[in-house]
Protein backbone atom coordinates (compact mmCIF):
# COMPACT_ATOMS: atom_id res chain seq x y z
CA MET A 1 59.13 -16.93 -199.09
CA ILE A 2 59.07 -16.75 -195.29
CA LYS A 3 62.17 -18.47 -193.86
CA PHE A 4 63.48 -18.76 -190.31
CA GLY A 5 67.16 -17.91 -189.91
CA THR A 6 69.39 -18.63 -186.92
CA SER A 7 67.02 -16.64 -184.70
CA GLY A 8 63.55 -16.47 -186.24
CA TRP A 9 61.98 -14.72 -189.23
CA ARG A 10 62.93 -11.12 -190.01
CA ALA A 11 61.78 -8.81 -192.79
CA ILE A 12 61.31 -5.13 -193.65
CA ILE A 13 58.21 -3.52 -192.16
CA ALA A 14 55.50 -2.70 -194.75
CA ASP A 15 57.35 -4.76 -197.37
CA GLU A 16 57.28 -8.42 -196.36
CA PHE A 17 56.58 -7.83 -192.67
CA ILE A 18 52.87 -7.03 -192.88
CA PHE A 19 49.79 -8.04 -190.89
CA ALA A 20 48.76 -10.77 -193.34
CA ALA A 21 52.18 -12.40 -193.06
CA VAL A 22 52.20 -12.05 -189.27
CA ARG A 23 48.82 -13.76 -189.08
CA ARG A 24 49.96 -16.56 -191.37
CA VAL A 25 53.14 -17.20 -189.36
CA SER A 26 51.17 -17.04 -186.10
CA GLN A 27 48.61 -19.50 -187.48
CA ALA A 28 51.38 -21.86 -188.57
CA ILE A 29 52.95 -21.76 -185.08
CA ALA A 30 49.51 -22.32 -183.50
CA ASN A 31 48.91 -25.33 -185.76
CA TYR A 32 52.36 -26.72 -184.93
CA LEU A 33 51.76 -26.37 -181.19
CA LYS A 34 48.33 -27.99 -181.44
CA ALA A 35 49.85 -30.98 -183.19
CA ASN A 36 52.87 -31.32 -180.89
CA ASN A 37 52.01 -29.91 -177.47
CA ALA A 38 48.92 -30.37 -175.30
CA ASN A 39 49.73 -27.13 -173.44
CA ARG A 40 47.72 -24.12 -174.61
CA GLN A 41 49.54 -21.34 -172.74
CA ILE A 42 51.72 -19.04 -174.87
CA ILE A 43 53.62 -15.82 -174.14
CA ILE A 44 53.72 -12.96 -176.66
CA GLY A 45 56.35 -10.22 -176.32
CA TYR A 46 57.75 -7.34 -178.35
CA ASP A 47 60.64 -4.90 -178.48
CA THR A 48 60.69 -1.12 -179.06
CA ARG A 49 60.42 -1.20 -182.86
CA PHE A 50 57.76 0.59 -184.89
CA MET A 51 54.39 -1.17 -184.52
CA ALA A 52 55.92 -4.12 -182.64
CA GLU A 53 53.33 -3.92 -179.87
CA VAL A 54 50.50 -3.80 -182.45
CA PHE A 55 51.79 -6.87 -184.29
CA ALA A 56 52.13 -8.63 -180.93
CA ALA A 57 48.54 -7.83 -179.96
CA GLU A 58 47.32 -9.14 -183.30
CA ALA A 59 49.15 -12.43 -182.76
CA ALA A 60 47.84 -12.72 -179.19
CA ASN A 61 44.27 -12.27 -180.41
CA LEU A 62 44.75 -14.95 -183.09
CA PHE A 63 46.01 -17.40 -180.49
CA ALA A 64 43.01 -16.63 -178.30
CA VAL A 65 40.68 -17.41 -181.21
CA GLU A 66 42.59 -20.68 -181.70
CA GLY A 67 41.81 -21.75 -178.13
CA PHE A 68 45.11 -20.82 -176.50
CA GLU A 69 45.69 -18.89 -173.27
CA PRO A 70 47.84 -15.99 -174.54
CA TRP A 71 49.82 -13.82 -172.13
CA LEU A 72 50.82 -10.49 -173.70
CA CYS A 73 53.75 -8.64 -172.14
CA ASP A 74 52.74 -5.27 -170.69
CA ARG A 75 55.82 -3.48 -172.00
CA ALA A 76 58.74 -3.95 -174.38
CA THR A 77 60.49 -6.97 -172.89
CA PRO A 78 63.95 -8.53 -173.32
CA THR A 79 64.12 -11.93 -175.00
CA PRO A 80 65.89 -13.50 -171.98
CA ALA A 81 63.10 -12.39 -169.62
CA ILE A 82 60.57 -14.02 -171.95
CA SER A 83 62.67 -17.19 -172.07
CA TYR A 84 62.76 -17.28 -168.27
CA ALA A 85 58.96 -16.83 -168.10
CA ILE A 86 58.35 -19.74 -170.50
CA ARG A 87 60.10 -22.08 -168.09
CA THR A 88 58.70 -20.74 -164.84
CA ARG A 89 55.11 -20.53 -166.12
CA GLY A 90 55.26 -23.86 -167.95
CA ALA A 91 54.17 -22.29 -171.25
CA ALA A 92 54.14 -24.13 -174.56
CA GLY A 93 56.43 -21.45 -175.95
CA ALA A 94 56.66 -17.77 -176.83
CA ILE A 95 56.75 -15.43 -179.79
CA ASN A 96 58.76 -12.25 -179.46
CA PHE A 97 58.24 -9.52 -182.05
CA THR A 98 61.78 -8.28 -182.51
CA ALA A 99 64.49 -8.00 -185.11
CA SER A 100 67.14 -7.99 -182.38
CA HIS A 101 70.14 -5.92 -183.55
CA ASN A 102 68.92 -5.43 -187.14
CA PRO A 103 68.30 -1.93 -188.56
CA PRO A 104 65.12 -0.06 -187.56
CA GLN A 105 63.22 -0.82 -190.78
CA TYR A 106 63.14 -4.52 -189.82
CA CYS A 107 60.82 -6.40 -187.51
CA GLY A 108 60.74 -10.12 -186.81
CA MET A 109 59.22 -13.03 -184.95
CA LYS A 110 61.39 -15.15 -182.64
CA PHE A 111 59.77 -18.43 -181.66
CA SER A 112 60.96 -20.19 -178.51
CA THR A 113 59.83 -23.65 -177.48
CA ALA A 114 58.69 -24.96 -174.08
CA ASP A 115 62.28 -25.26 -172.82
CA GLY A 116 62.78 -21.50 -173.26
CA ALA A 117 65.30 -22.04 -176.05
CA PRO A 118 65.20 -20.78 -179.63
CA ALA A 119 63.37 -23.31 -181.79
CA LEU A 120 65.68 -25.91 -183.32
CA PRO A 121 65.82 -26.44 -187.12
CA GLU A 122 63.50 -29.46 -187.06
CA VAL A 123 60.83 -27.25 -185.42
CA THR A 124 61.27 -24.22 -187.69
CA GLU A 125 61.31 -26.45 -190.78
CA ALA A 126 57.95 -27.91 -189.74
CA ILE A 127 56.58 -24.39 -189.18
CA GLU A 128 57.93 -23.22 -192.54
CA ALA A 129 56.19 -26.14 -194.25
CA GLU A 130 52.94 -25.14 -192.53
CA ILE A 131 53.42 -21.51 -193.64
CA VAL A 132 53.68 -22.74 -197.24
CA ARG A 133 50.56 -24.89 -196.81
CA LEU A 134 48.65 -21.86 -195.53
CA GLU A 135 49.69 -19.65 -198.45
CA GLY A 136 46.70 -18.07 -200.16
CA GLY A 137 44.48 -18.50 -197.11
CA ASP A 138 42.12 -15.80 -195.90
CA PHE A 139 43.75 -14.06 -192.94
CA ALA A 140 41.37 -11.26 -192.06
CA ALA A 141 41.96 -8.89 -189.14
CA THR A 142 41.63 -10.69 -185.82
CA ALA A 143 39.06 -9.30 -183.42
CA SER A 144 40.28 -8.22 -179.98
CA SER A 145 39.77 -10.94 -177.38
CA ASP A 146 39.16 -10.70 -173.64
CA ALA A 147 41.06 -13.99 -173.32
CA VAL A 148 44.36 -12.14 -173.78
CA LYS A 149 45.95 -11.49 -170.38
CA SER A 150 48.60 -8.94 -169.44
CA LEU A 151 51.97 -10.13 -168.14
CA SER A 152 54.73 -8.25 -166.28
CA LEU A 153 58.12 -9.99 -166.12
CA VAL A 154 60.51 -7.46 -164.55
CA GLU A 155 60.45 -8.51 -160.90
CA ASP A 156 60.56 -12.30 -161.36
CA TYR A 157 63.38 -12.14 -163.89
CA LEU A 158 65.49 -9.75 -161.81
CA GLN A 159 64.97 -11.84 -158.66
CA ASP A 160 66.34 -14.82 -160.55
CA LEU A 161 69.35 -12.84 -161.82
CA ALA A 162 70.15 -11.85 -158.23
CA THR A 163 70.71 -15.55 -157.44
CA LYS A 164 73.27 -15.87 -160.24
CA VAL A 165 75.21 -12.60 -160.00
CA ASP A 166 76.74 -11.07 -156.85
CA LEU A 167 75.12 -7.66 -157.20
CA GLN A 168 76.08 -6.66 -153.66
CA ALA A 169 79.75 -7.21 -154.49
CA ILE A 170 79.41 -4.77 -157.41
CA ALA A 171 77.86 -2.12 -155.18
CA SER A 172 80.25 -2.72 -152.25
CA ALA A 173 83.31 -2.41 -154.50
CA GLY A 174 82.04 0.95 -155.72
CA VAL A 175 82.00 -0.11 -159.37
CA ARG A 176 80.48 2.79 -161.29
CA VAL A 177 78.69 1.88 -164.51
CA ALA A 178 77.41 3.75 -167.56
CA TYR A 179 74.71 1.83 -169.41
CA ASP A 180 73.39 2.26 -172.95
CA PRO A 181 70.37 0.08 -173.81
CA LEU A 182 70.40 1.59 -177.33
CA TRP A 183 66.74 2.59 -177.02
CA GLY A 184 65.88 -1.09 -176.56
CA THR A 185 64.29 -3.41 -174.03
CA GLY A 186 67.14 -3.53 -171.50
CA ARG A 187 66.09 -0.24 -169.90
CA GLY A 188 64.39 -0.86 -166.60
CA TYR A 189 66.07 -4.26 -166.30
CA LEU A 190 69.88 -4.08 -166.13
CA ASP A 191 69.94 -0.60 -164.61
CA LYS A 192 67.23 -1.53 -162.08
CA ALA A 193 69.16 -4.63 -160.98
CA LEU A 194 72.24 -2.51 -160.23
CA LYS A 195 70.43 0.44 -158.70
CA ASP A 196 68.33 -1.78 -156.42
CA ALA A 197 71.61 -3.24 -155.10
CA GLY A 198 72.96 0.26 -154.42
CA ALA A 199 75.35 0.60 -157.37
CA GLU A 200 75.82 3.85 -159.29
CA VAL A 201 74.48 3.73 -162.85
CA LEU A 202 74.34 6.44 -165.51
CA MET A 203 71.79 5.83 -168.27
CA ILE A 204 71.89 7.10 -171.84
CA HIS A 205 69.42 6.42 -174.67
CA ASP A 206 66.90 5.10 -172.17
CA TRP A 207 63.73 6.11 -174.01
CA ARG A 208 61.82 4.61 -176.92
CA ASP A 209 63.02 5.66 -180.35
CA VAL A 210 61.70 3.43 -183.13
CA TYR A 211 64.54 4.67 -185.35
CA PHE A 212 67.19 3.68 -182.77
CA GLY A 213 68.99 6.96 -183.34
CA GLY A 214 69.07 6.25 -187.07
CA ARG A 215 71.25 3.16 -186.76
CA SER A 216 71.15 -0.50 -185.80
CA PRO A 217 70.67 -1.24 -182.06
CA GLU A 218 73.79 -3.41 -182.02
CA PRO A 219 76.21 -3.03 -179.09
CA ASP A 220 79.42 -3.08 -181.12
CA ILE A 221 82.29 -0.62 -181.33
CA GLU A 222 80.70 1.49 -184.09
CA GLN A 223 77.54 2.17 -182.07
CA LEU A 224 79.06 2.94 -178.66
CA GLU A 225 80.93 6.21 -179.20
CA GLU A 226 78.57 8.20 -176.95
CA LEU A 227 78.88 5.58 -174.22
CA LYS A 228 82.66 5.73 -174.56
CA GLN A 229 82.64 9.50 -174.03
CA GLU A 230 80.56 9.14 -170.86
CA VAL A 231 82.96 6.50 -169.50
CA LEU A 232 86.00 8.69 -170.21
CA ASN A 233 84.55 12.06 -169.19
CA ARG A 234 83.03 10.87 -165.91
CA GLY A 235 85.54 8.22 -164.89
CA PHE A 236 83.27 5.16 -164.92
CA HIS A 237 84.77 1.74 -164.33
CA LEU A 238 82.68 0.13 -167.08
CA GLY A 239 80.48 0.92 -170.05
CA LEU A 240 77.74 -1.67 -170.57
CA SER A 241 75.32 -2.00 -173.46
CA THR A 242 72.64 -4.38 -174.75
CA ASP A 243 70.98 -4.72 -178.14
CA GLY A 244 67.36 -4.10 -179.16
CA ASP A 245 65.93 -7.18 -177.44
CA GLY A 246 68.49 -7.45 -174.64
CA ASP A 247 70.08 -10.76 -175.64
CA ARG A 248 73.45 -9.40 -176.83
CA PHE A 249 76.06 -7.47 -174.86
CA GLY A 250 78.65 -4.76 -175.42
CA ILE A 251 81.46 -3.96 -172.97
CA LEU A 252 83.78 -0.96 -172.63
CA ASP A 253 86.73 -0.96 -170.24
CA ARG A 254 87.66 1.93 -167.94
CA ASP A 255 89.76 3.58 -170.66
CA GLY A 256 86.87 3.42 -173.15
CA SER A 257 88.35 0.55 -175.16
CA PHE A 258 85.89 -1.94 -176.62
CA ILE A 259 86.20 -5.48 -175.26
CA SER A 260 85.20 -7.91 -177.99
CA PRO A 261 82.67 -10.68 -177.31
CA ASN A 262 85.47 -13.21 -177.92
CA GLN A 263 87.50 -11.59 -175.14
CA VAL A 264 84.51 -11.42 -172.79
CA ILE A 265 83.70 -15.11 -173.30
CA THR A 266 87.34 -16.04 -172.69
CA LEU A 267 87.52 -13.97 -169.49
CA LEU A 268 84.23 -15.25 -168.09
CA ALA A 269 85.15 -18.87 -168.85
CA ASP A 270 88.25 -18.30 -166.70
CA TYR A 271 86.52 -16.22 -164.01
CA LEU A 272 83.56 -18.55 -163.47
CA ALA A 273 85.86 -21.57 -163.18
CA GLU A 274 87.85 -19.65 -160.56
CA SER A 275 85.00 -18.01 -158.62
CA ARG A 276 82.35 -20.75 -158.80
CA GLY A 277 84.61 -23.78 -158.88
CA TRP A 278 82.86 -25.01 -162.05
CA THR A 279 84.86 -27.58 -164.00
CA ASP A 280 82.35 -29.08 -166.45
CA ALA A 281 82.67 -28.20 -170.13
CA VAL A 282 82.43 -24.86 -171.95
CA GLY A 283 80.46 -24.57 -175.19
CA ARG A 284 81.41 -22.26 -178.04
CA SER A 285 80.34 -21.91 -181.67
CA ILE A 286 82.57 -22.84 -184.59
CA ALA A 287 83.12 -19.11 -185.25
CA THR A 288 84.25 -18.28 -181.70
CA THR A 289 87.85 -17.72 -180.63
CA GLY A 290 90.31 -20.50 -179.85
CA MET A 291 91.39 -18.41 -176.84
CA VAL A 292 88.54 -20.15 -175.01
CA ASP A 293 90.21 -23.50 -175.75
CA ARG A 294 93.57 -22.27 -174.46
CA VAL A 295 92.15 -20.93 -171.19
CA CYS A 296 90.11 -24.09 -170.65
CA ALA A 297 93.08 -26.35 -171.46
CA LYS A 298 95.04 -24.59 -168.72
CA ARG A 299 92.34 -25.60 -166.24
CA GLY A 300 91.72 -29.07 -167.69
CA ILE A 301 88.23 -28.12 -168.93
CA GLU A 302 86.64 -29.64 -172.03
CA VAL A 303 85.43 -27.40 -174.87
CA ILE A 304 82.44 -28.44 -176.99
CA GLU A 305 82.14 -26.84 -180.43
CA THR A 306 78.71 -26.17 -181.95
CA PRO A 307 77.36 -24.76 -185.23
CA VAL A 308 76.57 -21.04 -185.29
CA GLY A 309 73.23 -20.25 -183.63
CA PHE A 310 72.64 -20.04 -179.90
CA LYS A 311 69.97 -22.73 -180.07
CA TYR A 312 72.78 -25.31 -180.19
CA ILE A 313 74.54 -23.85 -177.14
CA GLY A 314 71.17 -23.51 -175.42
CA GLN A 315 70.62 -27.22 -175.86
CA LEU A 316 73.91 -27.91 -174.02
CA ILE A 317 72.88 -25.51 -171.23
CA ASP A 318 69.49 -27.21 -170.96
CA GLU A 319 71.14 -30.64 -170.76
CA ASN A 320 73.50 -29.34 -168.03
CA LYS A 321 76.56 -30.30 -170.09
CA ILE A 322 78.36 -26.94 -169.89
CA TYR A 323 78.85 -24.20 -167.29
CA LEU A 324 79.19 -21.45 -169.89
CA GLY A 325 78.22 -21.17 -173.52
CA GLY A 326 79.15 -18.30 -175.81
CA GLU A 327 79.45 -17.20 -179.40
CA GLU A 328 81.41 -14.39 -180.98
CA SER A 329 78.25 -12.51 -181.98
CA ALA A 330 77.81 -11.54 -178.29
CA GLY A 331 75.66 -14.40 -177.10
CA LEU A 332 76.22 -15.93 -173.64
CA SER A 333 74.48 -17.93 -170.94
CA ILE A 334 75.58 -20.00 -167.97
CA ARG A 335 74.81 -23.17 -166.07
CA GLY A 336 71.43 -23.15 -164.31
CA HIS A 337 70.21 -20.19 -166.37
CA ILE A 338 68.02 -20.07 -169.47
CA PRO A 339 69.07 -21.88 -172.70
CA GLU A 340 69.00 -18.55 -174.52
CA LYS A 341 71.58 -15.82 -174.86
CA ASP A 342 71.27 -13.13 -172.20
CA GLY A 343 73.05 -9.82 -172.68
CA ILE A 344 71.82 -8.49 -169.34
CA LEU A 345 73.31 -11.44 -167.46
CA ALA A 346 76.59 -11.14 -169.41
CA CYS A 347 76.96 -7.44 -168.54
CA LEU A 348 76.29 -8.08 -164.86
CA LEU A 349 78.78 -10.97 -164.73
CA VAL A 350 81.46 -8.70 -166.20
CA ALA A 351 80.67 -6.07 -163.56
CA GLU A 352 80.93 -8.72 -160.85
CA MET A 353 84.27 -9.91 -162.27
CA VAL A 354 85.68 -6.37 -162.24
CA ALA A 355 84.40 -5.83 -158.70
CA LYS A 356 85.84 -9.04 -157.26
CA ARG A 357 89.15 -9.01 -159.09
CA GLY A 358 89.66 -5.31 -158.40
CA THR A 359 91.40 -4.61 -161.67
CA THR A 360 90.65 -3.46 -165.20
CA ILE A 361 89.62 -5.78 -168.00
CA ALA A 362 92.77 -4.84 -169.93
CA GLU A 363 94.93 -6.07 -167.03
CA MET A 364 92.95 -9.33 -166.86
CA LEU A 365 93.50 -9.90 -170.57
CA GLU A 366 97.24 -9.22 -170.28
CA ASN A 367 97.45 -11.85 -167.53
CA ILE A 368 95.78 -14.40 -169.79
CA TYR A 369 98.01 -13.50 -172.75
CA ARG A 370 101.11 -14.02 -170.58
CA GLU A 371 99.85 -17.46 -169.58
CA VAL A 372 98.48 -18.88 -172.84
CA GLY A 373 99.46 -16.48 -175.65
CA LYS A 374 97.29 -14.18 -177.74
CA LEU A 375 95.09 -14.68 -180.78
CA GLU A 376 93.57 -11.98 -182.99
CA SER A 377 90.13 -12.65 -184.44
CA GLY A 378 87.78 -10.79 -186.77
CA ARG A 379 85.04 -11.10 -189.35
CA ILE A 380 83.76 -9.38 -192.47
CA GLY A 381 80.64 -9.69 -194.62
CA VAL A 382 80.93 -10.23 -198.36
CA ARG A 383 77.85 -9.26 -200.41
CA LEU A 384 76.87 -11.63 -203.19
CA THR A 385 75.47 -10.89 -206.62
CA PRO A 386 72.81 -13.37 -207.82
CA GLU A 387 75.49 -15.00 -210.00
CA LEU A 388 77.94 -15.38 -207.11
CA GLN A 389 75.17 -16.68 -204.87
CA GLN A 390 74.40 -19.41 -207.40
CA ARG A 391 78.07 -20.42 -207.73
CA LEU A 392 78.85 -20.34 -204.01
CA PRO A 393 77.85 -23.93 -203.02
CA GLU A 394 80.11 -25.42 -205.71
CA LYS A 395 82.96 -23.11 -204.75
CA LEU A 396 82.78 -24.07 -201.07
CA ALA A 397 82.47 -27.76 -201.95
CA ASN A 398 85.79 -27.66 -203.84
CA ALA A 399 88.21 -26.57 -201.15
CA PRO A 400 91.50 -24.89 -202.11
CA ALA A 401 94.78 -26.50 -201.12
CA ASP A 402 96.03 -23.23 -199.64
CA PHE A 403 95.12 -19.63 -198.89
CA ASP A 404 97.70 -17.20 -200.29
CA GLY A 405 100.45 -19.76 -199.68
CA ARG A 406 99.12 -20.95 -196.33
CA ARG A 407 98.45 -24.68 -196.64
CA VAL A 408 95.09 -26.08 -195.55
CA LYS A 409 95.67 -28.74 -192.90
CA GLU A 410 92.07 -29.65 -191.99
CA ILE A 411 88.53 -28.83 -193.14
CA ASN A 412 85.50 -28.61 -190.84
CA ARG A 413 82.09 -28.60 -192.57
CA SER A 414 79.83 -28.71 -189.51
CA ASP A 415 78.57 -25.19 -190.35
CA GLY A 416 79.77 -23.48 -193.51
CA VAL A 417 83.38 -24.39 -194.28
CA LYS A 418 86.19 -23.83 -191.78
CA PHE A 419 89.75 -24.17 -193.07
CA ILE A 420 92.33 -24.88 -190.36
CA LEU A 421 95.72 -23.88 -191.69
CA GLU A 422 99.11 -25.46 -191.10
CA ASN A 423 100.26 -22.70 -188.73
CA GLY A 424 97.14 -23.03 -186.53
CA SER A 425 95.32 -20.03 -187.99
CA TRP A 426 91.85 -20.60 -189.43
CA ILE A 427 89.29 -19.07 -191.76
CA LEU A 428 85.55 -19.83 -191.77
CA MET A 429 83.16 -19.02 -194.60
CA ARG A 430 79.51 -19.25 -193.72
CA PRO A 431 76.59 -18.11 -195.91
CA SER A 432 74.02 -15.96 -194.09
CA GLY A 433 70.64 -17.55 -193.56
CA THR A 434 68.79 -14.25 -194.06
CA GLU A 435 70.83 -12.07 -196.46
CA PRO A 436 72.72 -12.51 -199.77
CA LEU A 437 76.13 -12.45 -198.14
CA VAL A 438 78.87 -14.68 -196.79
CA ARG A 439 80.32 -14.07 -193.36
CA VAL A 440 84.05 -14.63 -193.29
CA TYR A 441 85.63 -15.26 -189.88
CA ALA A 442 89.33 -15.69 -189.23
CA GLU A 443 91.82 -16.01 -186.37
CA ALA A 444 95.60 -15.69 -186.35
CA GLU A 445 98.57 -14.99 -184.10
CA ASP A 446 98.78 -11.30 -185.04
CA GLU A 447 96.71 -8.54 -186.65
CA ARG A 448 98.68 -8.49 -189.91
CA GLU A 449 98.09 -12.20 -190.48
CA LEU A 450 94.42 -11.73 -189.61
CA GLU A 451 93.98 -8.98 -192.19
CA VAL A 452 95.68 -11.11 -194.83
CA LEU A 453 93.36 -14.03 -194.10
CA LEU A 454 90.21 -11.92 -194.22
CA GLY A 455 91.33 -10.28 -197.45
CA THR A 456 92.17 -13.65 -199.00
CA GLY A 457 88.77 -14.99 -197.98
CA ARG A 458 87.05 -12.03 -199.67
CA LYS A 459 89.00 -12.55 -202.89
CA TYR A 460 88.23 -16.28 -202.88
CA ILE A 461 84.48 -15.70 -202.62
CA LEU A 462 84.41 -12.94 -205.27
CA SER A 463 86.70 -14.73 -207.75
């Protein structure tokens, strides 16, 4: 069955992700748009995965046959650039053929609505119902159509970023950057923005490799060892990275240490309040660090908690209710920008922060810890057997009174089940929408307590 997770439909190429399925999903989205939007302009993009551009062309041709005006990106394009184009061109929406940070054998279809945001559950549920209705239909190869037009997004998107990030400050401060796009769509975007401003940028992995070096294009600590060596060996101030479709970020400090997304969101919430004078609320997902709450409390700023999935934060951005929204899976956007996570923007804001504060990220974090204390956060994935998967809903419905002697003080069921413990620590268990696993998140005052909580969560799920 074709299901949309927190960010579209993803499946293994040549298994479930095949042309017939792509046509059926495209037809379902076309039918949905016809029924709910008079606009017939749609943008089709793709990342650097195997066959992604071919799948995208097939979808564009189908939309042309269905009476739409399809604009097909002329190169592998970041999701945030596509989101920006939806809004500026007044399109009905966009489909991006990407599996984001998933392994190379996957491809996917992200559907964004006319506001440039990831489609909300009520939209994807309607599309899923249409996919089911179309099951068994005849979806023959779609003939190439002259109605499909080519679209370049680099210049417009980068011009907009230049109004939201002080690129000249980065260059003037002499901030030297090493950038790893992980063979993805960020190449020619983030590096071009910095180079055009006069900043020094070293690129690695800046060519197409459909295998992504034999690993997932995810900018986390496990994937950034080569970037770390460049930062250390050549004395760069920062290591920056983005995922396969450019919507997630990875940050290395001057000493090569990995700065977690939770830490980046905390720092930028503080920096943007200081540098921009913004005092409206900050949005964060239920799985994101409470350090954001502590920093915001110090400045008298409200924090709005959302379910996991950037579409919920994007809605707050679109409604102008928050100046920054972030989630621990490396998603971030800001006031006046797109209601979609933007890893390119996040990397550039960090570079600006380092340039203007004139210090390392580690020193900034130590300042925050002195002011509001420190929290340690982490997550693990617990694979489920079919039997465990069947028992999981009942298990999560019957909450324990304690976790390894730590009493449960409060339970939050807005997304998965979050147990807030008596000492202020917490543990969140949230089933994946796309895989047979449970993601276990936890936060505590120290690393030992964090490891105990994560281990206890694993035992609870497997018991």
